[in-house]
Amino acid sequence: MSPSWRARRRRLAPATVLLLPFCLLLSSALESNAAPSPSDTAAWAAASRGAEAVYVTVWSARGVAGCRGSRGRLEAPAVDEVRAALRDAREEAEISGAGPLRRARACFLSRGAGAAEGAPFDPARQALLVERGARTAVILPGEARTAAYAWRKAHARVGGGASVPRARIFDVTVVDFTAGDLARWKETNP
């Protein structure tokens, strides 16, 4: 009998085998929630439970088109905070000529804890906030692949100086918006 009828087993290259666990880990780390409807107050309350800040980033075809946020306990309901940040980020994108928006991401920061310089954290799931004097830098999930790079990026944003920077690390709940979601939100909030 000819071996041609037998199913051939394909062997994966060793590099592929080594990358599979990393890819699975990365895909699970980047999981986020789909954007609830603007009228779904229960979903927004769940997403923002315990939030100390919310940051909304919008992207166009060219890349990041704008980012707005607020710190401190959320005074208004989360949906109103997100709506205002989306409006501000959309205006920023229009002013810069970024073109139509493709997607957006709302990051709710909660359970912030003080951190020592260079402290390890998970930059795919947590946010780093560094303050020096009047300057503040926030590194949101997805901006840095490693904690070391996030620390360098934050220090570059706040600049050097004689004062010692204060740092906090936050857990983050992420809500992603598609282009369709953005159009629906624009209709409900012109």
N, C-alpha and C. Protein backbone atom coordinates (compact mmCIF):
# COMPACT_ATOMS: atom_id res chain seq x y z
N MET A 1 0.83 -1.18 0.00
CA MET A 1 0.00 0.00 0.00
C MET A 1 0.87 1.24 0.00
N SER A 2 0.38 2.17 -0.69
CA SER A 2 1.11 3.43 -0.80
C SER A 2 0.85 4.30 0.43
N PRO A 3 1.89 4.95 0.95
CA PRO A 3 1.69 5.81 2.12
C PRO A 3 0.95 7.11 1.77
N SER A 4 0.67 7.37 0.51
CA SER A 4 0.04 8.63 0.12
C SER A 4 -1.39 8.75 0.64
N TRP A 5 -2.04 7.63 0.92
CA TRP A 5 -3.41 7.70 1.40
C TRP A 5 -3.49 8.04 2.88
N ARG A 6 -2.41 7.84 3.58
CA ARG A 6 -2.41 8.12 5.01
C ARG A 6 -2.39 9.63 5.25
N ALA A 7 -3.08 9.99 6.28
CA ALA A 7 -3.05 11.42 6.65
C ALA A 7 -1.65 11.74 7.17
N ARG A 8 -1.11 12.78 6.66
CA ARG A 8 0.23 13.18 7.10
C ARG A 8 0.11 14.06 8.33
N ARG A 9 0.95 13.78 9.27
CA ARG A 9 0.98 14.61 10.47
C ARG A 9 1.92 15.78 10.22
N ARG A 10 1.42 16.92 10.57
CA ARG A 10 2.26 18.11 10.43
C ARG A 10 2.89 18.43 11.77
N ARG A 11 4.14 18.68 11.73
CA ARG A 11 4.83 19.06 12.95
C ARG A 11 4.98 20.57 12.97
N LEU A 12 4.71 21.13 14.11
CA LEU A 12 4.89 22.57 14.26
C LEU A 12 6.36 22.87 14.51
N ALA A 13 6.79 23.97 13.97
CA ALA A 13 8.17 24.39 14.20
C ALA A 13 8.36 24.67 15.69
N PRO A 14 9.55 24.42 16.23
CA PRO A 14 9.77 24.65 17.66
C PRO A 14 9.45 26.08 18.11
N ALA A 15 9.74 27.06 17.27
CA ALA A 15 9.45 28.45 17.64
C ALA A 15 7.95 28.66 17.78
N THR A 16 7.16 28.02 16.92
CA THR A 16 5.71 28.15 16.98
C THR A 16 5.17 27.55 18.27
N VAL A 17 5.70 26.40 18.64
CA VAL A 17 5.27 25.75 19.87
C VAL A 17 5.57 26.63 21.07
N LEU A 18 6.70 27.30 21.06
CA LEU A 18 7.05 28.17 22.18
C LEU A 18 6.18 29.43 22.22
N LEU A 19 5.74 29.91 21.07
CA LEU A 19 4.94 31.13 21.02
C LEU A 19 3.46 30.90 21.36
N LEU A 20 2.96 29.69 21.21
CA LEU A 20 1.54 29.45 21.45
C LEU A 20 1.09 29.84 22.85
N PRO A 21 1.78 29.42 23.91
CA PRO A 21 1.34 29.85 25.25
C PRO A 21 1.37 31.36 25.42
N PHE A 22 2.38 32.03 24.84
CA PHE A 22 2.47 33.48 24.93
C PHE A 22 1.28 34.13 24.23
N CYS A 23 0.92 33.64 23.04
CA CYS A 23 -0.21 34.20 22.29
C CYS A 23 -1.52 34.00 23.06
N LEU A 24 -1.70 32.83 23.66
CA LEU A 24 -2.91 32.59 24.44
C LEU A 24 -2.96 33.52 25.65
N LEU A 25 -1.85 33.72 26.31
CA LEU A 25 -1.77 34.60 27.46
C LEU A 25 -2.08 36.04 27.05
N LEU A 26 -1.49 36.47 25.94
CA LEU A 26 -1.71 37.83 25.46
C LEU A 26 -3.17 38.06 25.09
N SER A 27 -3.78 37.09 24.39
CA SER A 27 -5.17 37.28 23.99
C SER A 27 -6.09 37.33 25.20
N SER A 28 -5.80 36.54 26.24
CA SER A 28 -6.64 36.59 27.43
C SER A 28 -6.40 37.88 28.20
N ALA A 29 -5.20 38.40 28.17
CA ALA A 29 -4.89 39.64 28.89
C ALA A 29 -5.57 40.83 28.25
N LEU A 30 -5.85 40.76 26.95
CA LEU A 30 -6.44 41.89 26.25
C LEU A 30 -7.95 41.81 26.17
N GLU A 31 -8.57 40.86 26.89
CA GLU A 31 -10.02 40.76 26.88
C GLU A 31 -10.61 42.04 27.45
N SER A 32 -11.73 42.44 26.90
CA SER A 32 -12.40 43.61 27.43
C SER A 32 -13.90 43.41 27.27
N ASN A 33 -14.65 44.34 27.79
CA ASN A 33 -16.11 44.28 27.72
C ASN A 33 -16.58 45.07 26.51
N ALA A 34 -17.64 44.58 25.88
CA ALA A 34 -18.26 45.33 24.79
C ALA A 34 -19.00 46.51 25.40
N ALA A 35 -19.11 47.58 24.64
CA ALA A 35 -19.75 48.79 25.15
C ALA A 35 -21.25 48.56 25.33
N PRO A 36 -21.75 48.78 26.55
CA PRO A 36 -23.20 48.68 26.75
C PRO A 36 -23.90 49.86 26.10
N SER A 37 -25.16 49.73 25.93
CA SER A 37 -25.98 50.81 25.40
C SER A 37 -25.91 52.00 26.35
N PRO A 38 -26.02 53.23 25.81
CA PRO A 38 -26.00 54.40 26.70
C PRO A 38 -27.12 54.37 27.74
N SER A 39 -28.21 53.64 27.45
CA SER A 39 -29.34 53.60 28.39
C SER A 39 -29.25 52.44 29.39
N ASP A 40 -28.24 51.58 29.27
CA ASP A 40 -28.10 50.43 30.16
C ASP A 40 -27.34 50.84 31.44
N THR A 41 -28.05 51.47 32.35
CA THR A 41 -27.41 52.03 33.54
C THR A 41 -26.84 50.94 34.45
N ALA A 42 -27.46 49.76 34.48
CA ALA A 42 -26.95 48.67 35.32
C ALA A 42 -25.58 48.21 34.85
N ALA A 43 -25.40 48.09 33.53
CA ALA A 43 -24.10 47.67 32.99
C ALA A 43 -23.03 48.71 33.27
N TRP A 44 -23.39 49.98 33.15
CA TRP A 44 -22.41 51.04 33.42
C TRP A 44 -22.05 51.11 34.90
N ALA A 45 -23.03 50.85 35.75
CA ALA A 45 -22.75 50.83 37.19
C ALA A 45 -21.80 49.69 37.52
N ALA A 46 -21.99 48.54 36.88
CA ALA A 46 -21.10 47.39 37.13
C ALA A 46 -19.68 47.68 36.62
N ALA A 47 -19.57 48.30 35.45
CA ALA A 47 -18.25 48.58 34.87
C ALA A 47 -17.48 49.59 35.71
N SER A 48 -18.19 50.51 36.33
CA SER A 48 -17.52 51.59 37.04
C SER A 48 -17.49 51.41 38.55
N ARG A 49 -17.91 50.27 39.04
CA ARG A 49 -17.96 50.04 40.49
C ARG A 49 -16.60 50.31 41.12
N GLY A 50 -16.56 51.22 42.05
CA GLY A 50 -15.33 51.54 42.77
C GLY A 50 -14.33 52.36 41.97
N ALA A 51 -14.73 52.89 40.82
CA ALA A 51 -13.79 53.62 39.96
C ALA A 51 -13.37 54.94 40.60
N GLU A 52 -12.08 55.21 40.50
CA GLU A 52 -11.52 56.46 40.99
C GLU A 52 -11.25 57.43 39.84
N ALA A 53 -11.29 56.92 38.62
CA ALA A 53 -11.04 57.74 37.43
C ALA A 53 -11.57 57.02 36.21
N VAL A 54 -11.83 57.79 35.17
CA VAL A 54 -12.19 57.19 33.87
C VAL A 54 -11.41 57.95 32.80
N TYR A 55 -10.83 57.20 31.87
CA TYR A 55 -10.12 57.76 30.72
C TYR A 55 -10.70 57.15 29.47
N VAL A 56 -11.00 57.99 28.47
CA VAL A 56 -11.54 57.53 27.20
C VAL A 56 -10.55 57.90 26.11
N THR A 57 -10.13 56.90 25.33
CA THR A 57 -9.21 57.10 24.21
C THR A 57 -9.96 56.76 22.93
N VAL A 58 -9.80 57.60 21.90
CA VAL A 58 -10.43 57.34 20.60
C VAL A 58 -9.35 57.20 19.53
N TRP A 59 -9.63 56.32 18.55
CA TRP A 59 -8.70 56.06 17.46
C TRP A 59 -9.37 56.34 16.13
N SER A 60 -8.60 56.90 15.20
CA SER A 60 -9.03 57.06 13.82
C SER A 60 -8.16 56.13 12.98
N ALA A 61 -8.25 56.24 11.67
CA ALA A 61 -7.43 55.41 10.80
C ALA A 61 -5.94 55.72 10.98
N ARG A 62 -5.62 56.93 11.43
CA ARG A 62 -4.22 57.35 11.61
C ARG A 62 -3.60 56.91 12.94
N GLY A 63 -4.41 56.45 13.87
CA GLY A 63 -3.91 56.08 15.19
C GLY A 63 -4.70 56.80 16.28
N VAL A 64 -4.08 57.04 17.42
CA VAL A 64 -4.77 57.70 18.52
C VAL A 64 -5.15 59.11 18.10
N ALA A 65 -6.45 59.42 18.24
CA ALA A 65 -6.94 60.73 17.83
C ALA A 65 -7.20 61.64 19.01
N GLY A 66 -7.38 61.07 20.19
CA GLY A 66 -7.62 61.90 21.36
C GLY A 66 -7.79 61.05 22.60
N CYS A 67 -7.55 61.67 23.74
CA CYS A 67 -7.72 60.98 25.02
C CYS A 67 -8.14 62.01 26.06
N ARG A 68 -9.20 61.70 26.77
CA ARG A 68 -9.70 62.58 27.82
C ARG A 68 -10.04 61.73 29.03
N GLY A 69 -9.99 62.36 30.19
CA GLY A 69 -10.35 61.62 31.38
C GLY A 69 -10.59 62.52 32.56
N SER A 70 -10.99 61.89 33.65
CA SER A 70 -11.21 62.63 34.89
C SER A 70 -10.71 61.78 36.04
N ARG A 71 -10.15 62.45 37.04
CA ARG A 71 -9.65 61.76 38.22
C ARG A 71 -10.49 62.13 39.42
N GLY A 72 -10.37 61.33 40.44
CA GLY A 72 -11.19 61.52 41.63
C GLY A 72 -12.43 60.66 41.51
N ARG A 73 -13.11 60.46 42.59
CA ARG A 73 -14.33 59.65 42.54
C ARG A 73 -15.28 60.23 41.51
N LEU A 74 -15.93 59.36 40.75
CA LEU A 74 -16.84 59.81 39.72
C LEU A 74 -18.04 60.49 40.37
N GLU A 75 -18.25 61.77 40.03
CA GLU A 75 -19.35 62.53 40.59
C GLU A 75 -20.67 62.19 39.89
N ALA A 76 -20.62 62.12 38.57
CA ALA A 76 -21.80 61.82 37.78
C ALA A 76 -21.87 60.31 37.55
N PRO A 77 -23.01 59.80 37.10
CA PRO A 77 -23.05 58.38 36.72
C PRO A 77 -22.01 58.10 35.64
N ALA A 78 -21.50 56.88 35.63
CA ALA A 78 -20.41 56.51 34.71
C ALA A 78 -20.77 56.80 33.27
N VAL A 79 -22.01 56.54 32.88
CA VAL A 79 -22.39 56.76 31.48
C VAL A 79 -22.25 58.23 31.12
N ASP A 80 -22.54 59.14 32.05
CA ASP A 80 -22.39 60.57 31.78
C ASP A 80 -20.93 60.97 31.68
N GLU A 81 -20.08 60.38 32.54
CA GLU A 81 -18.64 60.65 32.48
C GLU A 81 -18.07 60.19 31.13
N VAL A 82 -18.47 58.99 30.70
CA VAL A 82 -17.98 58.46 29.42
C VAL A 82 -18.51 59.31 28.27
N ARG A 83 -19.76 59.68 28.34
CA ARG A 83 -20.36 60.51 27.28
C ARG A 83 -19.60 61.83 27.15
N ALA A 84 -19.28 62.48 28.26
CA ALA A 84 -18.55 63.75 28.22
C ALA A 84 -17.14 63.55 27.68
N ALA A 85 -16.46 62.49 28.13
CA ALA A 85 -15.10 62.23 27.65
C ALA A 85 -15.10 61.89 26.17
N LEU A 86 -16.09 61.12 25.70
CA LEU A 86 -16.20 60.82 24.27
C LEU A 86 -16.41 62.10 23.47
N ARG A 87 -17.27 62.97 23.96
CA ARG A 87 -17.52 64.24 23.26
C ARG A 87 -16.24 65.07 23.17
N ASP A 88 -15.51 65.18 24.29
CA ASP A 88 -14.26 65.95 24.30
C ASP A 88 -13.21 65.33 23.39
N ALA A 89 -13.07 64.00 23.44
CA ALA A 89 -12.08 63.33 22.60
C ALA A 89 -12.45 63.43 21.12
N ARG A 90 -13.77 63.36 20.83
CA ARG A 90 -14.23 63.50 19.45
C ARG A 90 -13.91 64.90 18.93
N GLU A 91 -14.14 65.94 19.76
CA GLU A 91 -13.82 67.31 19.36
C GLU A 91 -12.32 67.47 19.13
N GLU A 92 -11.51 66.86 20.00
CA GLU A 92 -10.06 66.92 19.84
C GLU A 92 -9.65 66.27 18.52
N ALA A 93 -10.28 65.15 18.16
CA ALA A 93 -9.96 64.46 16.90
C ALA A 93 -10.37 65.31 15.70
N GLU A 94 -11.53 65.97 15.78
CA GLU A 94 -11.98 66.81 14.67
C GLU A 94 -11.07 68.01 14.48
N ILE A 95 -10.61 68.61 15.58
CA ILE A 95 -9.71 69.76 15.50
C ILE A 95 -8.38 69.37 14.85
N SER A 96 -7.89 68.18 15.20
CA SER A 96 -6.60 67.74 14.66
C SER A 96 -6.71 67.21 13.24
N GLY A 97 -7.94 67.06 12.72
CA GLY A 97 -8.13 66.55 11.36
C GLY A 97 -7.83 65.07 11.24
N ALA A 98 -8.10 64.31 12.28
CA ALA A 98 -7.77 62.88 12.30
C ALA A 98 -8.69 62.05 11.42
N GLY A 99 -9.81 62.59 11.01
CA GLY A 99 -10.74 61.82 10.19
C GLY A 99 -11.75 61.09 11.05
N PRO A 100 -12.56 60.23 10.42
CA PRO A 100 -13.61 59.53 11.17
C PRO A 100 -13.02 58.58 12.22
N LEU A 101 -13.73 58.48 13.33
CA LEU A 101 -13.26 57.63 14.41
C LEU A 101 -13.58 56.17 14.11
N ARG A 102 -12.64 55.28 14.44
CA ARG A 102 -12.80 53.86 14.20
C ARG A 102 -13.21 53.08 15.44
N ARG A 103 -12.68 53.50 16.60
CA ARG A 103 -12.99 52.79 17.83
C ARG A 103 -12.63 53.67 19.02
N ALA A 104 -13.07 53.25 20.19
CA ALA A 104 -12.77 53.97 21.42
C ALA A 104 -12.67 52.96 22.55
N ARG A 105 -12.04 53.38 23.63
CA ARG A 105 -11.88 52.53 24.81
C ARG A 105 -12.02 53.39 26.06
N ALA A 106 -12.90 52.94 26.95
CA ALA A 106 -13.06 53.58 28.25
C ALA A 106 -12.36 52.71 29.28
N CYS A 107 -11.49 53.31 30.08
CA CYS A 107 -10.76 52.60 31.13
C CYS A 107 -11.18 53.17 32.48
N PHE A 108 -11.78 52.33 33.31
CA PHE A 108 -12.17 52.71 34.66
C PHE A 108 -11.08 52.24 35.62
N LEU A 109 -10.44 53.18 36.30
CA LEU A 109 -9.35 52.87 37.23
C LEU A 109 -9.91 52.74 38.63
N SER A 110 -9.57 51.64 39.30
CA SER A 110 -10.06 51.42 40.67
C SER A 110 -8.98 50.75 41.52
N ARG A 111 -9.20 50.78 42.81
CA ARG A 111 -8.31 50.13 43.79
C ARG A 111 -6.85 50.54 43.60
N GLY A 112 -6.63 51.84 43.55
CA GLY A 112 -5.27 52.34 43.40
C GLY A 112 -4.46 52.15 44.68
N ALA A 113 -3.22 51.77 44.51
CA ALA A 113 -2.33 51.58 45.66
C ALA A 113 -1.00 52.26 45.36
N GLY A 114 -0.41 52.85 46.40
CA GLY A 114 0.90 53.47 46.25
C GLY A 114 1.92 52.45 45.78
N ALA A 115 2.88 52.90 44.99
CA ALA A 115 3.88 51.99 44.45
C ALA A 115 5.27 52.60 44.57
N ALA A 116 6.22 51.75 44.87
CA ALA A 116 7.62 52.19 44.91
C ALA A 116 8.13 52.32 43.47
N GLU A 117 9.13 53.13 43.31
CA GLU A 117 9.75 53.34 41.99
C GLU A 117 10.12 52.00 41.35
N GLY A 118 9.64 51.77 40.13
CA GLY A 118 9.98 50.56 39.39
C GLY A 118 9.26 49.31 39.85
N ALA A 119 8.23 49.46 40.68
CA ALA A 119 7.50 48.30 41.19
C ALA A 119 6.90 47.50 40.03
N PRO A 120 6.91 46.18 40.13
CA PRO A 120 6.33 45.37 39.06
C PRO A 120 4.80 45.49 39.05
N PHE A 121 4.22 45.45 37.87
CA PHE A 121 2.78 45.41 37.70
C PHE A 121 2.49 44.84 36.32
N ASP A 122 1.23 44.53 36.04
CA ASP A 122 0.83 43.94 34.76
C ASP A 122 0.32 45.05 33.84
N PRO A 123 1.13 45.53 32.89
CA PRO A 123 0.70 46.66 32.05
C PRO A 123 -0.42 46.33 31.08
N ALA A 124 -0.79 45.04 30.95
CA ALA A 124 -1.93 44.68 30.10
C ALA A 124 -3.25 44.78 30.85
N ARG A 125 -3.19 44.77 32.19
CA ARG A 125 -4.41 44.79 33.00
C ARG A 125 -4.46 45.94 34.01
N GLN A 126 -3.35 46.60 34.23
CA GLN A 126 -3.30 47.65 35.25
C GLN A 126 -2.78 48.94 34.64
N ALA A 127 -3.07 50.05 35.33
CA ALA A 127 -2.62 51.36 34.89
C ALA A 127 -1.61 51.91 35.89
N LEU A 128 -0.68 52.70 35.39
CA LEU A 128 0.34 53.35 36.22
C LEU A 128 0.10 54.84 36.16
N LEU A 129 0.03 55.48 37.33
CA LEU A 129 -0.12 56.92 37.41
C LEU A 129 1.09 57.46 38.17
N VAL A 130 1.82 58.38 37.55
CA VAL A 130 3.00 58.99 38.18
C VAL A 130 2.79 60.49 38.21
N GLU A 131 3.02 61.10 39.38
CA GLU A 131 2.87 62.54 39.55
C GLU A 131 4.18 63.13 40.05
N ARG A 132 4.57 64.24 39.45
CA ARG A 132 5.73 65.00 39.92
C ARG A 132 5.34 66.46 39.85
N GLY A 133 5.22 67.09 41.00
CA GLY A 133 4.77 68.47 41.03
C GLY A 133 3.37 68.57 40.45
N ALA A 134 3.18 69.46 39.48
CA ALA A 134 1.88 69.65 38.86
C ALA A 134 1.67 68.75 37.64
N ARG A 135 2.68 67.97 37.27
CA ARG A 135 2.58 67.13 36.08
C ARG A 135 2.17 65.72 36.45
N THR A 136 1.30 65.12 35.60
CA THR A 136 0.79 63.78 35.83
C THR A 136 0.90 62.98 34.54
N ALA A 137 1.29 61.73 34.66
CA ALA A 137 1.32 60.81 33.52
C ALA A 137 0.52 59.56 33.89
N VAL A 138 -0.33 59.14 32.97
CA VAL A 138 -1.10 57.92 33.16
C VAL A 138 -0.77 56.99 32.00
N ILE A 139 -0.33 55.78 32.33
CA ILE A 139 -0.05 54.76 31.32
C ILE A 139 -1.17 53.73 31.43
N LEU A 140 -2.04 53.70 30.43
CA LEU A 140 -3.20 52.82 30.44
C LEU A 140 -2.84 51.45 29.85
N PRO A 141 -3.66 50.43 30.12
CA PRO A 141 -3.40 49.10 29.54
C PRO A 141 -3.28 49.18 28.01
N GLY A 142 -2.28 48.52 27.49
CA GLY A 142 -2.04 48.51 26.05
C GLY A 142 -1.02 49.52 25.59
N GLU A 143 -0.67 50.49 26.42
CA GLU A 143 0.33 51.49 26.03
C GLU A 143 1.75 50.97 26.15
N ALA A 144 1.97 50.02 27.02
CA ALA A 144 3.32 49.48 27.25
C ALA A 144 3.22 47.97 27.36
N ARG A 145 4.23 47.30 26.83
CA ARG A 145 4.24 45.83 26.92
C ARG A 145 4.89 45.34 28.21
N THR A 146 5.78 46.14 28.77
CA THR A 146 6.46 45.73 30.00
C THR A 146 6.32 46.82 31.05
N ALA A 147 6.42 46.43 32.29
CA ALA A 147 6.35 47.40 33.38
C ALA A 147 7.52 48.37 33.32
N ALA A 148 8.69 47.86 32.99
CA ALA A 148 9.88 48.73 32.91
C ALA A 148 9.68 49.83 31.87
N TYR A 149 9.13 49.47 30.71
CA TYR A 149 8.88 50.47 29.67
C TYR A 149 7.82 51.47 30.13
N ALA A 150 6.79 51.01 30.84
CA ALA A 150 5.74 51.90 31.34
C ALA A 150 6.34 52.93 32.31
N TRP A 151 7.23 52.47 33.19
CA TRP A 151 7.88 53.40 34.12
C TRP A 151 8.71 54.44 33.36
N ARG A 152 9.48 54.01 32.36
CA ARG A 152 10.29 54.96 31.58
C ARG A 152 9.40 55.98 30.85
N LYS A 153 8.32 55.48 30.26
CA LYS A 153 7.41 56.34 29.52
C LYS A 153 6.75 57.36 30.46
N ALA A 154 6.34 56.93 31.64
CA ALA A 154 5.71 57.84 32.61
C ALA A 154 6.70 58.91 33.05
N HIS A 155 7.94 58.52 33.33
CA HIS A 155 8.95 59.49 33.76
C HIS A 155 9.28 60.48 32.64
N ALA A 156 9.26 60.02 31.40
CA ALA A 156 9.50 60.94 30.28
C ALA A 156 8.38 61.97 30.19
N ARG A 157 7.14 61.56 30.49
CA ARG A 157 6.01 62.49 30.42
C ARG A 157 6.01 63.52 31.54
N VAL A 158 6.40 63.11 32.75
CA VAL A 158 6.38 64.07 33.87
C VAL A 158 7.67 64.88 33.96
N GLY A 159 8.70 64.43 33.26
CA GLY A 159 9.96 65.16 33.26
C GLY A 159 10.75 64.96 34.54
N GLY A 160 11.97 65.44 34.50
CA GLY A 160 12.84 65.33 35.67
C GLY A 160 12.58 66.47 36.63
N GLY A 161 13.24 66.43 37.72
CA GLY A 161 13.09 67.50 38.70
C GLY A 161 13.62 67.08 40.04
N ALA A 162 13.63 68.04 40.95
CA ALA A 162 14.14 67.77 42.29
C ALA A 162 13.15 66.99 43.13
N SER A 163 11.86 67.16 42.84
CA SER A 163 10.86 66.47 43.66
C SER A 163 10.82 64.98 43.30
N VAL A 164 10.53 64.19 44.31
CA VAL A 164 10.42 62.74 44.12
C VAL A 164 9.03 62.44 43.58
N PRO A 165 8.92 61.66 42.51
CA PRO A 165 7.59 61.38 41.96
C PRO A 165 6.79 60.44 42.87
N ARG A 166 5.49 60.66 42.87
CA ARG A 166 4.57 59.76 43.56
C ARG A 166 3.95 58.86 42.51
N ALA A 167 3.78 57.58 42.84
CA ALA A 167 3.23 56.64 41.87
C ALA A 167 2.13 55.80 42.51
N ARG A 168 1.13 55.46 41.68
CA ARG A 168 0.06 54.56 42.08
C ARG A 168 -0.21 53.59 40.95
N ILE A 169 -0.58 52.39 41.31
CA ILE A 169 -0.95 51.36 40.34
C ILE A 169 -2.43 51.04 40.56
N PHE A 170 -3.20 51.01 39.45
CA PHE A 170 -4.64 50.81 39.52
C PHE A 170 -5.05 49.54 38.78
N ASP A 171 -6.09 48.88 39.27
CA ASP A 171 -6.76 47.85 38.49
C ASP A 171 -7.65 48.57 37.49
N VAL A 172 -7.87 47.96 36.32
CA VAL A 172 -8.61 48.65 35.26
C VAL A 172 -9.71 47.75 34.71
N THR A 173 -10.90 48.32 34.55
CA THR A 173 -11.98 47.69 33.81
C THR A 173 -12.07 48.40 32.48
N VAL A 174 -12.00 47.64 31.39
CA VAL A 174 -11.97 48.21 30.05
C VAL A 174 -13.30 47.96 29.34
N VAL A 175 -13.81 49.00 28.67
CA VAL A 175 -15.00 48.89 27.83
C VAL A 175 -14.61 49.39 26.45
N ASP A 176 -14.75 48.53 25.43
CA ASP A 176 -14.39 48.89 24.06
C ASP A 176 -15.61 49.29 23.25
N PHE A 177 -15.44 50.30 22.40
CA PHE A 177 -16.49 50.78 21.52
C PHE A 177 -16.07 50.54 20.07
N THR A 178 -16.96 49.99 19.26
CA THR A 178 -16.71 49.84 17.83
C THR A 178 -17.17 51.12 17.13
N ALA A 179 -16.93 51.20 15.83
CA ALA A 179 -17.40 52.37 15.06
C ALA A 179 -18.92 52.46 15.14
N GLY A 180 -19.61 51.32 15.11
CA GLY A 180 -21.08 51.32 15.23
C GLY A 180 -21.54 51.85 16.59
N ASP A 181 -20.84 51.44 17.64
CA ASP A 181 -21.17 51.96 18.97
C ASP A 181 -21.00 53.47 19.01
N LEU A 182 -19.91 53.96 18.43
CA LEU A 182 -19.64 55.41 18.44
C LEU A 182 -20.74 56.17 17.71
N ALA A 183 -21.20 55.62 16.58
CA ALA A 183 -22.27 56.27 15.82
C ALA A 183 -23.56 56.30 16.65
N ARG A 184 -23.87 55.19 17.34
CA ARG A 184 -25.06 55.12 18.16
C ARG A 184 -24.97 56.13 19.32
N TRP A 185 -23.78 56.24 19.93
CA TRP A 185 -23.61 57.19 21.04
C TRP A 185 -23.71 58.62 20.54
N LYS A 186 -23.22 58.88 19.33
CA LYS A 186 -23.29 60.24 18.80
C LYS A 186 -24.74 60.63 18.57
N GLU A 187 -25.57 59.65 18.12
CA GLU A 187 -26.98 59.93 17.89
C GLU A 187 -27.69 60.29 19.20
N THR A 188 -27.30 59.61 20.29
CA THR A 188 -27.96 59.87 21.57
C THR A 188 -27.35 61.07 22.29
N ASN A 189 -26.22 61.55 21.78
CA ASN A 189 -25.52 62.67 22.43
C ASN A 189 -24.87 63.55 21.37
N PRO A 190 -25.65 64.33 20.64
CA PRO A 190 -25.06 65.12 19.54
C PRO A 190 -24.06 66.13 20.00
